[in-house]
Protein backbone atom coordinates (compact mmCIF):
# COMPACT_ATOMS: atom_id res chain seq x y z
CA UNK A 1 100.35 99.20 187.59
CA UNK A 2 97.70 96.57 186.92
CA UNK A 3 97.96 94.41 183.82
CA UNK A 4 95.84 91.69 182.24
CA UNK A 5 97.35 88.90 180.18
CA UNK A 6 95.16 86.67 178.02
CA UNK A 7 96.08 83.26 176.67
CA UNK A 8 94.48 80.19 175.15
CA UNK A 9 93.35 81.49 171.79
CA UNK A 10 93.97 79.59 168.61
CA UNK A 11 92.50 77.87 165.59
CA UNK A 12 89.77 75.30 166.08
CA UNK A 13 87.21 73.50 163.95
CA UNK A 14 83.52 74.29 164.28
CA UNK A 15 82.04 72.28 167.11
CA UNK A 16 85.32 72.23 169.00
CA UNK A 17 86.34 73.81 172.28
CA UNK A 18 88.86 76.28 173.63
CA UNK A 19 89.56 77.65 177.08
CA UNK A 20 90.76 81.21 177.43
CA UNK A 21 92.60 82.46 180.50
CA UNK A 22 93.21 85.97 181.77
CA UNK A 23 95.54 86.64 184.67
CA UNK A 24 95.58 89.97 186.49
CA UNK A 25 98.82 91.15 188.05
CA UNK A 26 99.98 94.26 189.86
CA UNK A 27 98.42 96.35 192.59
CA UNK A 28 95.14 94.56 193.27
CA UNK A 29 93.00 94.95 196.35
CA UNK A 30 90.10 93.12 194.74
CA UNK A 31 88.57 92.45 191.35
CA UNK A 32 85.03 93.79 191.28
CA UNK A 33 84.03 92.58 187.83
CA UNK A 34 86.07 90.72 185.27
CA UNK A 35 85.06 89.36 181.91
CA UNK A 36 85.47 88.95 178.22
CA UNK A 37 84.67 91.05 175.19
CA UNK A 38 85.27 90.23 171.56
CA UNK A 39 85.71 92.09 168.32
CA UNK A 40 85.14 90.33 165.02
CA UNK A 41 86.59 91.67 161.77
CA UNK A 42 84.61 94.70 160.62
CA UNK A 43 82.44 94.73 163.74
CA UNK A 44 82.31 96.65 167.01
CA UNK A 45 83.53 95.20 170.27
CA UNK A 46 80.81 93.37 172.19
CA UNK A 47 80.40 91.87 175.62
CA UNK A 48 80.73 88.10 175.82
CA UNK A 49 80.56 87.27 179.52
CA UNK A 50 81.31 88.81 182.90
CA UNK A 51 81.56 87.57 186.46
CA UNK A 52 81.43 89.66 189.62
CA UNK A 53 83.29 89.20 192.87
CA UNK A 54 80.09 87.66 194.23
CA UNK A 55 79.95 85.09 191.44
CA UNK A 56 77.13 86.69 189.46
CA UNK A 57 77.46 85.80 185.78
CA UNK A 58 76.23 87.60 182.70
CA UNK A 59 76.36 86.22 179.15
CA UNK A 60 75.58 87.52 175.74
CA UNK A 61 72.57 85.74 174.28
CA UNK A 62 74.69 84.42 171.43
CA UNK A 63 76.92 82.39 173.77
CA UNK A 64 74.48 81.24 176.46
CA UNK A 65 74.59 77.49 176.88
CA UNK A 66 77.90 77.21 175.05
CA UNK A 67 80.35 79.38 177.02
CA UNK A 68 81.06 79.28 180.74
CA UNK A 69 82.91 81.97 182.65
CA UNK A 70 84.63 81.22 185.94
CA UNK A 71 87.26 82.78 188.18
CA UNK A 72 89.99 81.63 190.51
CA UNK A 73 90.29 84.34 193.14
CA UNK A 74 93.48 82.89 194.59
CA UNK A 75 95.18 83.28 191.21
CA UNK A 76 93.40 86.49 190.14
CA UNK A 77 92.48 84.65 186.98
CA UNK A 78 89.32 84.40 184.92
CA UNK A 79 88.55 81.64 182.44
CA UNK A 80 86.22 81.33 179.51
CA UNK A 81 85.37 77.77 178.53
CA UNK A 82 84.07 77.87 174.98
CA UNK A 83 82.26 74.80 173.69
CA UNK A 84 80.37 74.09 170.47
CA UNK A 85 82.28 76.86 168.75
CA UNK A 86 80.86 78.38 165.60
CA UNK A 87 82.54 80.34 162.80
CA UNK A 88 80.61 83.38 164.09
CA UNK A 89 82.70 83.18 167.28
CA UNK A 90 85.82 84.13 165.33
CA UNK A 91 87.18 87.32 166.86
CA UNK A 92 89.86 88.86 168.99
CA UNK A 93 88.87 88.20 172.59
CA UNK A 94 89.77 90.84 175.16
CA UNK A 95 89.82 90.53 178.91
CA UNK A 96 88.51 93.50 180.87
CA UNK A 97 88.40 94.07 184.60
CA UNK A 98 87.16 96.66 187.04
CA UNK A 99 89.81 96.44 189.72
CA UNK A 100 89.84 97.98 193.17
CA UNK A 101 93.50 98.90 193.59
CA UNK A 102 92.89 100.41 197.05
CA UNK A 103 89.68 100.41 199.05
CA UNK A 104 87.32 102.80 197.27
CA UNK A 105 89.57 103.34 194.26
CA UNK A 106 88.73 101.53 191.02
CA UNK A 107 90.31 101.30 187.62
CA UNK A 108 89.26 99.65 184.38
CA UNK A 109 91.94 97.61 182.62
CA UNK A 110 92.04 95.91 179.23
CA UNK A 111 94.21 93.04 178.11
CA UNK A 112 96.02 92.90 174.79
CA UNK A 113 93.64 90.38 173.25
CA UNK A 114 93.92 86.79 172.06
CA UNK A 115 92.82 85.56 168.64
CA UNK A 116 90.17 82.88 168.25
CA UNK A 117 89.53 81.49 164.79
CA UNK A 118 86.82 78.91 164.17
CA UNK A 119 86.88 77.20 160.80
CA UNK A 120 83.93 75.54 159.07
């Protein structure tokens, strides 16, 4: 069983920074794509940032220049460095990964979510 565990969320003032972490554990051959999604109150879940095994990064337009996604392959962990936070960034942030559990076999896994609240 593969699991994702997020951490690092909290309450921060506008303009501040937070770093989220997501560690993958279990049967993992490789992590194809791993990234972050968020869901604000009353809104649908949206993509924030992803990073592939090859290091290719993709960001939502709303976070470009402010957020940076990175991964530590040795630790099976992905990070989201969030700078210049805005109240609009307030949401539950979820880690998602497409994991190759065995060569040729993939599964998509979601974490439980971590709350980020940005005050004005």
